[in-house]
Amino acid sequence: MEQIDLNEQREVKHWVLIMWPAFLAACLLEALVFSLVDPGEVHWPGQTAQPSRQGVYTVAFFCFWMIAMACSCMVLWLSKPEPELNDRAVD
């Protein structure tokens, strides 16, 4: 069994800290938004063929997930200690 080096462990941890809370937030947003809005009732401007409900749910979920991941990335970036930020700026 190979040892995973410290940098790889840190990178995996960062991705887990970004993706997992974002996934949970996307699930919550999906439930909240679509408990109030029925995608079958929404009329999309300029389109004769309406997308399916499942398609709207899927696209909306991934949009919510991407937005929540961006927020999680910003939180991790803002939480870095000052010396770590300054060391990377010099490199």
PDB file of N, CA and C in Angstrom:
ATOM      1  N   MET A   1       0.840  -1.176   0.000  1.00  0.00           N
ATOM      2  CA  MET A   1       0.000   0.000   0.000  1.00  0.00           C
ATOM      3  C   MET A   1       0.888   1.243   0.000  1.00  0.00           C
ATOM      4  N   GLU A   2       0.655   2.141  -0.941  1.00  0.00           N
ATOM      5  CA  GLU A   2       1.478   3.338  -1.056  1.00  0.00           C
ATOM      6  C   GLU A   2       1.049   4.386  -0.046  1.00  0.00           C
ATOM      7  N   GLN A   3       2.038   5.127   0.407  1.00  0.00           N
ATOM      8  CA  GLN A   3       1.763   6.247   1.298  1.00  0.00           C
ATOM      9  C   GLN A   3       1.400   7.464   0.464  1.00  0.00           C
ATOM     10  N   ILE A   4       0.332   8.132   0.836  1.00  0.00           N
ATOM     11  CA  ILE A   4      -0.031   9.374   0.170  1.00  0.00           C
ATOM     12  C   ILE A   4       0.729  10.492   0.859  1.00  0.00           C
ATOM     13  N   ASP A   5       1.423  11.303   0.069  1.00  0.00           N
ATOM     14  CA  ASP A   5       2.214  12.357   0.690  1.00  0.00           C
ATOM     15  C   ASP A   5       1.304  13.449   1.248  1.00  0.00           C
ATOM     16  N   LEU A   6       1.892  14.311   2.056  1.00  0.00           N
ATOM     17  CA  LEU A   6       1.142  15.328   2.786  1.00  0.00           C
ATOM     18  C   LEU A   6       0.430  16.305   1.862  1.00  0.00           C
ATOM     19  N   ASN A   7       1.058  16.675   0.741  1.00  0.00           N
ATOM     20  CA  ASN A   7       0.413  17.602  -0.193  1.00  0.00           C
ATOM     21  C   ASN A   7      -0.830  16.997  -0.830  1.00  0.00           C
ATOM     22  N   GLU A   8      -0.775  15.715  -1.171  1.00  0.00           N
ATOM     23  CA  GLU A   8      -1.940  15.049  -1.746  1.00  0.00           C
ATOM     24  C   GLU A   8      -3.063  14.950  -0.729  1.00  0.00           C
ATOM     25  N   GLN A   9      -2.715  14.657   0.533  1.00  0.00           N
ATOM     26  CA  GLN A   9      -3.727  14.596   1.585  1.00  0.00           C
ATOM     27  C   GLN A   9      -4.384  15.959   1.765  1.00  0.00           C
ATOM     28  N   ARG A  10      -3.592  17.014   1.738  1.00  0.00           N
ATOM     29  CA  ARG A  10      -4.118  18.367   1.910  1.00  0.00           C
ATOM     30  C   ARG A  10      -5.042  18.720   0.742  1.00  0.00           C
ATOM     31  N   GLU A  11      -4.644  18.338  -0.463  1.00  0.00           N
ATOM     32  CA  GLU A  11      -5.461  18.643  -1.635  1.00  0.00           C
ATOM     33  C   GLU A  11      -6.792  17.894  -1.591  1.00  0.00           C
ATOM     34  N   VAL A  12      -6.766  16.634  -1.212  1.00  0.00           N
ATOM     35  CA  VAL A  12      -8.002  15.850  -1.093  1.00  0.00           C
ATOM     36  C   VAL A  12      -8.896  16.461  -0.016  1.00  0.00           C
ATOM     37  N   LYS A  13      -8.290  16.855   1.102  1.00  0.00           N
ATOM     38  CA  LYS A  13      -9.062  17.465   2.188  1.00  0.00           C
ATOM     39  C   LYS A  13      -9.718  18.758   1.723  1.00  0.00           C
ATOM     40  N   HIS A  14      -8.992  19.574   0.961  1.00  0.00           N
ATOM     41  CA  HIS A  14      -9.566  20.826   0.459  1.00  0.00           C
ATOM     42  C   HIS A  14     -10.743  20.551  -0.466  1.00  0.00           C
ATOM     43  N   TRP A  15     -10.603  19.555  -1.354  1.00  0.00           N
ATOM     44  CA  TRP A  15     -11.714  19.244  -2.257  1.00  0.00           C
ATOM     45  C   TRP A  15     -12.923  18.736  -1.495  1.00  0.00           C
ATOM     46  N   VAL A  16     -12.694  17.940  -0.450  1.00  0.00           N
ATOM     47  CA  VAL A  16     -13.812  17.457   0.359  1.00  0.00           C
ATOM     48  C   VAL A  16     -14.471  18.629   1.090  1.00  0.00           C
ATOM     49  N   LEU A  17     -13.655  19.550   1.607  1.00  0.00           N
ATOM     50  CA  LEU A  17     -14.195  20.716   2.306  1.00  0.00           C
ATOM     51  C   LEU A  17     -14.947  21.653   1.362  1.00  0.00           C
ATOM     52  N   ILE A  18     -14.645  21.602   0.105  1.00  0.00           N
ATOM     53  CA  ILE A  18     -15.338  22.437  -0.879  1.00  0.00           C
ATOM     54  C   ILE A  18     -16.603  21.754  -1.378  1.00  0.00           C
ATOM     55  N   MET A  19     -16.488  20.499  -1.786  1.00  0.00           N
ATOM     56  CA  MET A  19     -17.585  19.836  -2.489  1.00  0.00           C
ATOM     57  C   MET A  19     -18.708  19.333  -1.577  1.00  0.00           C
ATOM     58  N   TRP A  20     -18.374  18.801  -0.410  1.00  0.00           N
ATOM     59  CA  TRP A  20     -19.406  18.208   0.425  1.00  0.00           C
ATOM     60  C   TRP A  20     -20.382  19.249   0.974  1.00  0.00           C
ATOM     61  N   PRO A  21     -19.918  20.343   1.605  1.00  0.00           N
ATOM     62  CA  PRO A  21     -20.894  21.347   2.054  1.00  0.00           C
ATOM     63  C   PRO A  21     -21.667  21.971   0.887  1.00  0.00           C
ATOM     64  N   ALA A  22     -20.987  22.126  -0.261  1.00  0.00           N
ATOM     65  CA  ALA A  22     -21.663  22.689  -1.439  1.00  0.00           C
ATOM     66  C   ALA A  22     -22.755  21.739  -1.927  1.00  0.00           C
ATOM     67  N   PHE A  23     -22.512  20.441  -1.884  1.00  0.00           N
ATOM     68  CA  PHE A  23     -23.513  19.458  -2.282  1.00  0.00           C
ATOM     69  C   PHE A  23     -24.737  19.545  -1.370  1.00  0.00           C
ATOM     70  N   LEU A  24     -24.496  19.623  -0.062  1.00  0.00           N
ATOM     71  CA  LEU A  24     -25.605  19.723   0.881  1.00  0.00           C
ATOM     72  C   LEU A  24     -26.387  21.019   0.681  1.00  0.00           C
ATOM     73  N   ALA A  25     -25.677  22.127   0.420  1.00  0.00           N
ATOM     74  CA  ALA A  25     -26.349  23.399   0.165  1.00  0.00           C
ATOM     75  C   ALA A  25     -27.174  23.327  -1.118  1.00  0.00           C
ATOM     76  N   ALA A  26     -26.643  22.681  -2.152  1.00  0.00           N
ATOM     77  CA  ALA A  26     -27.378  22.536  -3.410  1.00  0.00           C
ATOM     78  C   ALA A  26     -28.638  21.703  -3.203  1.00  0.00           C
ATOM     79  N   CYS A  27     -28.547  20.662  -2.396  1.00  0.00           N
ATOM     80  CA  CYS A  27     -29.733  19.846  -2.095  1.00  0.00           C
ATOM     81  C   CYS A  27     -30.791  20.688  -1.395  1.00  0.00           C
ATOM     82  N   LEU A  28     -30.378  21.478  -0.423  1.00  0.00           N
ATOM     83  CA  LEU A  28     -31.315  22.322   0.305  1.00  0.00           C
ATOM     84  C   LEU A  28     -31.939  23.371  -0.619  1.00  0.00           C
ATOM     85  N   LEU A  29     -31.115  24.026  -1.428  1.00  0.00           N
ATOM     86  CA  LEU A  29     -31.635  25.016  -2.365  1.00  0.00           C
ATOM     87  C   LEU A  29     -32.613  24.399  -3.365  1.00  0.00           C
ATOM     88  N   GLU A  30     -32.270  23.234  -3.855  1.00  0.00           N
ATOM     89  CA  GLU A  30     -33.141  22.538  -4.804  1.00  0.00           C
ATOM     90  C   GLU A  30     -34.511  22.276  -4.165  1.00  0.00           C
ATOM     91  N   ALA A  31     -34.489  21.796  -2.931  1.00  0.00           N
ATOM     92  CA  ALA A  31     -35.746  21.509  -2.238  1.00  0.00           C
ATOM     93  C   ALA A  31     -36.544  22.783  -1.990  1.00  0.00           C
ATOM     94  N   LEU A  32     -35.870  23.846  -1.578  1.00  0.00           N
ATOM     95  CA  LEU A  32     -36.563  25.098  -1.294  1.00  0.00           C
ATOM     96  C   LEU A  32     -37.136  25.734  -2.556  1.00  0.00           C
ATOM     97  N   VAL A  33     -36.328  25.825  -3.596  1.00  0.00           N
ATOM     98  CA  VAL A  33     -36.769  26.487  -4.819  1.00  0.00           C
ATOM     99  C   VAL A  33     -37.912  25.722  -5.469  1.00  0.00           C
ATOM    100  N   PHE A  34     -37.759  24.427  -5.592  1.00  0.00           N
ATOM    101  CA  PHE A  34     -38.772  23.666  -6.320  1.00  0.00           C
ATOM    102  C   PHE A  34     -39.962  23.256  -5.448  1.00  0.00           C
ATOM    103  N   SER A  35     -39.934  23.605  -4.168  1.00  0.00           N
ATOM    104  CA  SER A  35     -41.159  23.482  -3.384  1.00  0.00           C
ATOM    105  C   SER A  35     -42.058  24.693  -3.646  1.00  0.00           C
ATOM    106  N   LEU A  36     -41.463  25.773  -4.153  1.00  0.00           N
ATOM    107  CA  LEU A  36     -42.221  26.990  -4.469  1.00  0.00           C
ATOM    108  C   LEU A  36     -42.503  27.156  -5.961  1.00  0.00           C
ATOM    109  N   VAL A  37     -41.632  26.611  -6.814  1.00  0.00           N
ATOM    110  CA  VAL A  37     -41.725  26.814  -8.257  1.00  0.00           C
ATOM    111  C   VAL A  37     -41.870  25.459  -8.945  1.00  0.00           C
ATOM    112  N   ASP A  38     -42.862  25.363  -9.802  1.00  0.00           N
ATOM    113  CA  ASP A  38     -43.030  24.160 -10.608  1.00  0.00           C
ATOM    114  C   ASP A  38     -42.438  24.441 -11.990  1.00  0.00           C
ATOM    115  N   PRO A  39     -41.380  23.715 -12.377  1.00  0.00           N
ATOM    116  CA  PRO A  39     -40.761  23.996 -13.674  1.00  0.00           C
ATOM    117  C   PRO A  39     -41.699  23.785 -14.855  1.00  0.00           C
ATOM    118  N   GLY A  40     -42.731  22.992 -14.688  1.00  0.00           N
ATOM    119  CA  GLY A  40     -43.693  22.792 -15.759  1.00  0.00           C
ATOM    120  C   GLY A  40     -44.588  24.004 -15.987  1.00  0.00           C
ATOM    121  N   GLU A  41     -44.709  24.846 -14.975  1.00  0.00           N
ATOM    122  CA  GLU A  41     -45.538  26.041 -15.066  1.00  0.00           C
ATOM    123  C   GLU A  41     -44.766  27.257 -15.558  1.00  0.00           C
ATOM    124  N   VAL A  42     -43.436  27.191 -15.546  1.00  0.00           N
ATOM    125  CA  VAL A  42     -42.616  28.330 -15.969  1.00  0.00           C
ATOM    126  C   VAL A  42     -42.586  28.375 -17.487  1.00  0.00           C
ATOM    127  N   HIS A  43     -42.824  29.533 -18.047  1.00  0.00           N
ATOM    128  CA  HIS A  43     -42.784  29.712 -19.490  1.00  0.00           C
ATOM    129  C   HIS A  43     -41.478  30.398 -19.847  1.00  0.00           C
ATOM    130  N   TRP A  44     -40.644  29.713 -20.598  1.00  0.00           N
ATOM    131  CA  TRP A  44     -39.344  30.233 -20.982  1.00  0.00           C
ATOM    132  C   TRP A  44     -39.505  31.144 -22.187  1.00  0.00           C
ATOM    133  N   PRO A  45     -39.032  32.381 -22.094  1.00  0.00           N
ATOM    134  CA  PRO A  45     -39.249  33.327 -23.192  1.00  0.00           C
ATOM    135  C   PRO A  45     -38.529  32.905 -24.472  1.00  0.00           C
ATOM    136  N   GLY A  46     -39.253  33.043 -25.578  1.00  0.00           N
ATOM    137  CA  GLY A  46     -38.660  32.779 -26.880  1.00  0.00           C
ATOM    138  C   GLY A  46     -38.497  31.319 -27.234  1.00  0.00           C
ATOM    139  N   GLN A  47     -39.011  30.414 -26.434  1.00  0.00           N
ATOM    140  CA  GLN A  47     -38.861  28.988 -26.730  1.00  0.00           C
ATOM    141  C   GLN A  47     -40.222  28.358 -26.955  1.00  0.00           C
ATOM    142  N   THR A  48     -40.327  27.637 -28.049  1.00  0.00           N
ATOM    143  CA  THR A  48     -41.584  26.941 -28.310  1.00  0.00           C
ATOM    144  C   THR A  48     -41.621  25.598 -27.595  1.00  0.00           C
ATOM    145  N   ALA A  49     -40.505  24.912 -27.547  1.00  0.00           N
ATOM    146  CA  ALA A  49     -40.420  23.624 -26.849  1.00  0.00           C
ATOM    147  C   ALA A  49     -39.931  23.868 -25.421  1.00  0.00           C
ATOM    148  N   GLN A  50     -40.716  23.438 -24.468  1.00  0.00           N
ATOM    149  CA  GLN A  50     -40.354  23.615 -23.069  1.00  0.00           C
ATOM    150  C   GLN A  50     -39.464  22.457 -22.610  1.00  0.00           C
ATOM    151  N   PRO A  51     -38.435  22.761 -21.800  1.00  0.00           N
ATOM    152  CA  PRO A  51     -37.609  21.667 -21.280  1.00  0.00           C
ATOM    153  C   PRO A  51     -38.403  20.815 -20.288  1.00  0.00           C
ATOM    154  N   SER A  52     -37.985  19.570 -20.135  1.00  0.00           N
ATOM    155  CA  SER A  52     -38.685  18.673 -19.209  1.00  0.00           C
ATOM    156  C   SER A  52     -38.423  19.102 -17.764  1.00  0.00           C
ATOM    157  N   ARG A  53     -39.307  18.674 -16.894  1.00  0.00           N
ATOM    158  CA  ARG A  53     -39.134  18.981 -15.462  1.00  0.00           C
ATOM    159  C   ARG A  53     -37.817  18.408 -14.951  1.00  0.00           C
ATOM    160  N   GLN A  54     -37.548  17.152 -15.313  1.00  0.00           N
ATOM    161  CA  GLN A  54     -36.327  16.505 -14.838  1.00  0.00           C
ATOM    162  C   GLN A  54     -35.094  17.241 -15.352  1.00  0.00           C
ATOM    163  N   GLY A  55     -35.133  17.727 -16.577  1.00  0.00           N
ATOM    164  CA  GLY A  55     -34.011  18.493 -17.119  1.00  0.00           C
ATOM    165  C   GLY A  55     -33.789  19.789 -16.358  1.00  0.00           C
ATOM    166  N   VAL A  56     -34.876  20.481 -16.016  1.00  0.00           N
ATOM    167  CA  VAL A  56     -34.769  21.724 -15.246  1.00  0.00           C
ATOM    168  C   VAL A  56     -34.220  21.434 -13.853  1.00  0.00           C
ATOM    169  N   TYR A  57     -34.720  20.371 -13.218  1.00  0.00           N
ATOM    170  CA  TYR A  57     -34.216  19.993 -11.902  1.00  0.00           C
ATOM    171  C   TYR A  57     -32.707  19.712 -11.952  1.00  0.00           C
ATOM    172  N   THR A  58     -32.282  18.994 -12.963  1.00  0.00           N
ATOM    173  CA  THR A  58     -30.877  18.613 -13.084  1.00  0.00           C
ATOM    174  C   THR A  58     -29.984  19.825 -13.315  1.00  0.00           C
ATOM    175  N   VAL A  59     -30.361  20.654 -14.276  1.00  0.00           N
ATOM    176  CA  VAL A  59     -29.555  21.845 -14.575  1.00  0.00           C
ATOM    177  C   VAL A  59     -29.518  22.778 -13.371  1.00  0.00           C
ATOM    178  N   ALA A  60     -30.652  22.967 -12.722  1.00  0.00           N
ATOM    179  CA  ALA A  60     -30.703  23.840 -11.552  1.00  0.00           C
ATOM    180  C   ALA A  60     -29.832  23.304 -10.426  1.00  0.00           C
ATOM    181  N   PHE A  61     -29.884  21.980 -10.194  1.00  0.00           N
ATOM    182  CA  PHE A  61     -29.064  21.403  -9.127  1.00  0.00           C
ATOM    183  C   PHE A  61     -27.583  21.655  -9.386  1.00  0.00           C
ATOM    184  N   PHE A  62     -27.122  21.415 -10.617  1.00  0.00           N
ATOM    185  CA  PHE A  62     -25.703  21.627 -10.894  1.00  0.00           C
ATOM    186  C   PHE A  62     -25.325  23.099 -10.842  1.00  0.00           C
ATOM    187  N   CYS A  63     -26.235  23.987 -11.226  1.00  0.00           N
ATOM    188  CA  CYS A  63     -25.956  25.427 -11.073  1.00  0.00           C
ATOM    189  C   CYS A  63     -25.845  25.799  -9.600  1.00  0.00           C
ATOM    190  N   PHE A  64     -26.778  25.306  -8.782  1.00  0.00           N
ATOM    191  CA  PHE A  64     -26.710  25.564  -7.342  1.00  0.00           C
ATOM    192  C   PHE A  64     -25.428  25.009  -6.754  1.00  0.00           C
ATOM    193  N   TRP A  65     -25.022  23.820  -7.200  1.00  0.00           N
ATOM    194  CA  TRP A  65     -23.814  23.183  -6.675  1.00  0.00           C
ATOM    195  C   TRP A  65     -22.571  23.995  -7.056  1.00  0.00           C
ATOM    196  N   MET A  66     -22.501  24.462  -8.287  1.00  0.00           N
ATOM    197  CA  MET A  66     -21.347  25.262  -8.730  1.00  0.00           C
ATOM    198  C   MET A  66     -21.250  26.577  -7.950  1.00  0.00           C
ATOM    199  N   ILE A  67     -22.387  27.223  -7.732  1.00  0.00           N
ATOM    200  CA  ILE A  67     -22.379  28.476  -6.976  1.00  0.00           C
ATOM    201  C   ILE A  67     -21.944  28.225  -5.532  1.00  0.00           C
ATOM    202  N   ALA A  68     -22.457  27.161  -4.935  1.00  0.00           N
ATOM    203  CA  ALA A  68     -22.073  26.839  -3.559  1.00  0.00           C
ATOM    204  C   ALA A  68     -20.600  26.429  -3.468  1.00  0.00           C
ATOM    205  N   MET A  69     -20.070  25.737  -4.498  1.00  0.00           N
ATOM    206  CA  MET A  69     -18.640  25.401  -4.494  1.00  0.00           C
ATOM    207  C   MET A  69     -17.788  26.650  -4.596  1.00  0.00           C
ATOM    208  N   ALA A  70     -18.220  27.623  -5.386  1.00  0.00           N
ATOM    209  CA  ALA A  70     -17.484  28.885  -5.478  1.00  0.00           C
ATOM    210  C   ALA A  70     -17.448  29.575  -4.115  1.00  0.00           C
ATOM    211  N   CYS A  71     -18.556  29.533  -3.395  1.00  0.00           N
ATOM    212  CA  CYS A  71     -18.596  30.122  -2.053  1.00  0.00           C
ATOM    213  C   CYS A  71     -17.667  29.374  -1.100  1.00  0.00           C
ATOM    214  N   SER A  72     -17.666  28.049  -1.181  1.00  0.00           N
ATOM    215  CA  SER A  72     -16.777  27.254  -0.326  1.00  0.00           C
ATOM    216  C   SER A  72     -15.309  27.526  -0.645  1.00  0.00           C
ATOM    217  N   CYS A  73     -14.994  27.669  -1.925  1.00  0.00           N
ATOM    218  CA  CYS A  73     -13.614  28.001  -2.321  1.00  0.00           C
ATOM    219  C   CYS A  73     -13.203  29.348  -1.736  1.00  0.00           C
ATOM    220  N   MET A  74     -14.096  30.302  -1.786  1.00  0.00           N
ATOM    221  CA  MET A  74     -13.779  31.624  -1.256  1.00  0.00           C
ATOM    222  C   MET A  74     -13.548  31.566   0.250  1.00  0.00           C
ATOM    223  N   VAL A  75     -14.352  30.779   0.955  1.00  0.00           N
ATOM    224  CA  VAL A  75     -14.179  30.644   2.399  1.00  0.00           C
ATOM    225  C   VAL A  75     -12.816  30.038   2.715  1.00  0.00           C
ATOM    226  N   LEU A  76     -12.424  28.974   1.999  1.00  0.00           N
ATOM    227  CA  LEU A  76     -11.113  28.375   2.237  1.00  0.00           C
ATOM    228  C   LEU A  76      -9.988  29.346   1.910  1.00  0.00           C
ATOM    229  N   TRP A  77     -10.134  30.088   0.831  1.00  0.00           N
ATOM    230  CA  TRP A  77      -9.106  31.050   0.443  1.00  0.00           C
ATOM    231  C   TRP A  77      -8.982  32.158   1.485  1.00  0.00           C
ATOM    232  N   LEU A  78     -10.115  32.662   1.967  1.00  0.00           N
ATOM    233  CA  LEU A  78     -10.088  33.735   2.959  1.00  0.00           C
ATOM    234  C   LEU A  78      -9.620  33.260   4.327  1.00  0.00           C
ATOM    235  N   SER A  79      -9.711  31.965   4.594  1.00  0.00           N
ATOM    236  CA  SER A  79      -9.308  31.446   5.896  1.00  0.00           C
ATOM    237  C   SER A  79      -7.830  31.076   5.970  1.00  0.00           C
ATOM    238  N   LYS A  80      -7.102  31.223   4.858  1.00  0.00           N
ATOM    239  CA  LYS A  80      -5.674  30.893   4.875  1.00  0.00           C
ATOM    240  C   LYS A  80      -4.924  31.876   5.765  1.00  0.00           C
ATOM    241  N   PRO A  81      -3.909  31.382   6.490  1.00  0.00           N
ATOM    242  CA  PRO A  81      -3.113  32.299   7.305  1.00  0.00           C
ATOM    243  C   PRO A  81      -2.302  33.254   6.426  1.00  0.00           C
ATOM    244  N   GLU A  82      -2.025  34.418   6.946  1.00  0.00           N
ATOM    245  CA  GLU A  82      -1.330  35.447   6.171  1.00  0.00           C
ATOM    246  C   GLU A  82       0.035  34.994   5.655  1.00  0.00           C
ATOM    247  N   PRO A  83       0.852  34.310   6.459  1.00  0.00           N
ATOM    248  CA  PRO A  83       2.160  33.880   5.920  1.00  0.00           C
ATOM    249  C   PRO A  83       2.037  32.959   4.706  1.00  0.00           C
ATOM    250  N   GLU A  84       1.035  32.085   4.696  1.00  0.00           N
ATOM    251  CA  GLU A  84       0.856  31.181   3.555  1.00  0.00           C
ATOM    252  C   GLU A  84       0.480  31.966   2.304  1.00  0.00           C
ATOM    253  N   LEU A  85      -0.357  32.972   2.457  1.00  0.00           N
ATOM    254  CA  LEU A  85      -0.735  33.800   1.318  1.00  0.00           C
ATOM    255  C   LEU A  85       0.460  34.592   0.809  1.00  0.00           C
ATOM    256  N   ASN A  86       1.263  35.118   1.709  1.00  0.00           N
ATOM    257  CA  ASN A  86       2.425  35.921   1.312  1.00  0.00           C
ATOM    258  C   ASN A  86       3.515  35.063   0.683  1.00  0.00           C
ATOM    259  N   ASP A  87       3.707  33.819   1.148  1.00  0.00           N
ATOM    260  CA  ASP A  87       4.704  32.926   0.565  1.00  0.00           C
ATOM    261  C   ASP A  87       4.361  32.614  -0.880  1.00  0.00           C
ATOM    262  N   ARG A  88       3.105  32.407  -1.176  1.00  0.00           N
ATOM    263  CA  ARG A  88       2.704  32.087  -2.554  1.00  0.00           C
ATOM    264  C   ARG A  88       2.829  33.289  -3.457  1.00  0.00           C
ATOM    265  N   ALA A  89       2.650  34.482  -2.910  1.00  0.00           N
ATOM    266  CA  ALA A  89       2.759  35.683  -3.741  1.00  0.00           C
ATOM    267  C   ALA A  89       4.204  35.922  -4.171  1.00  0.00           C
ATOM    268  N   VAL A  90       5.176  35.524  -3.343  1.00  0.00           N
ATOM    269  CA  VAL A  90       6.580  35.714  -3.663  1.00  0.00           C
ATOM    270  C   VAL A  90       7.030  34.718  -4.720  1.00  0.00           C
ATOM    271  N   ASP A  91       6.504  33.484  -4.682  1.00  0.00           N
ATOM    272  CA  ASP A  91       6.922  32.452  -5.645  1.00  0.00           C
ATOM    273  C   ASP A  91       6.541  32.792  -6.989  1.00  0.00           C
TER     274      ASP A  91
END
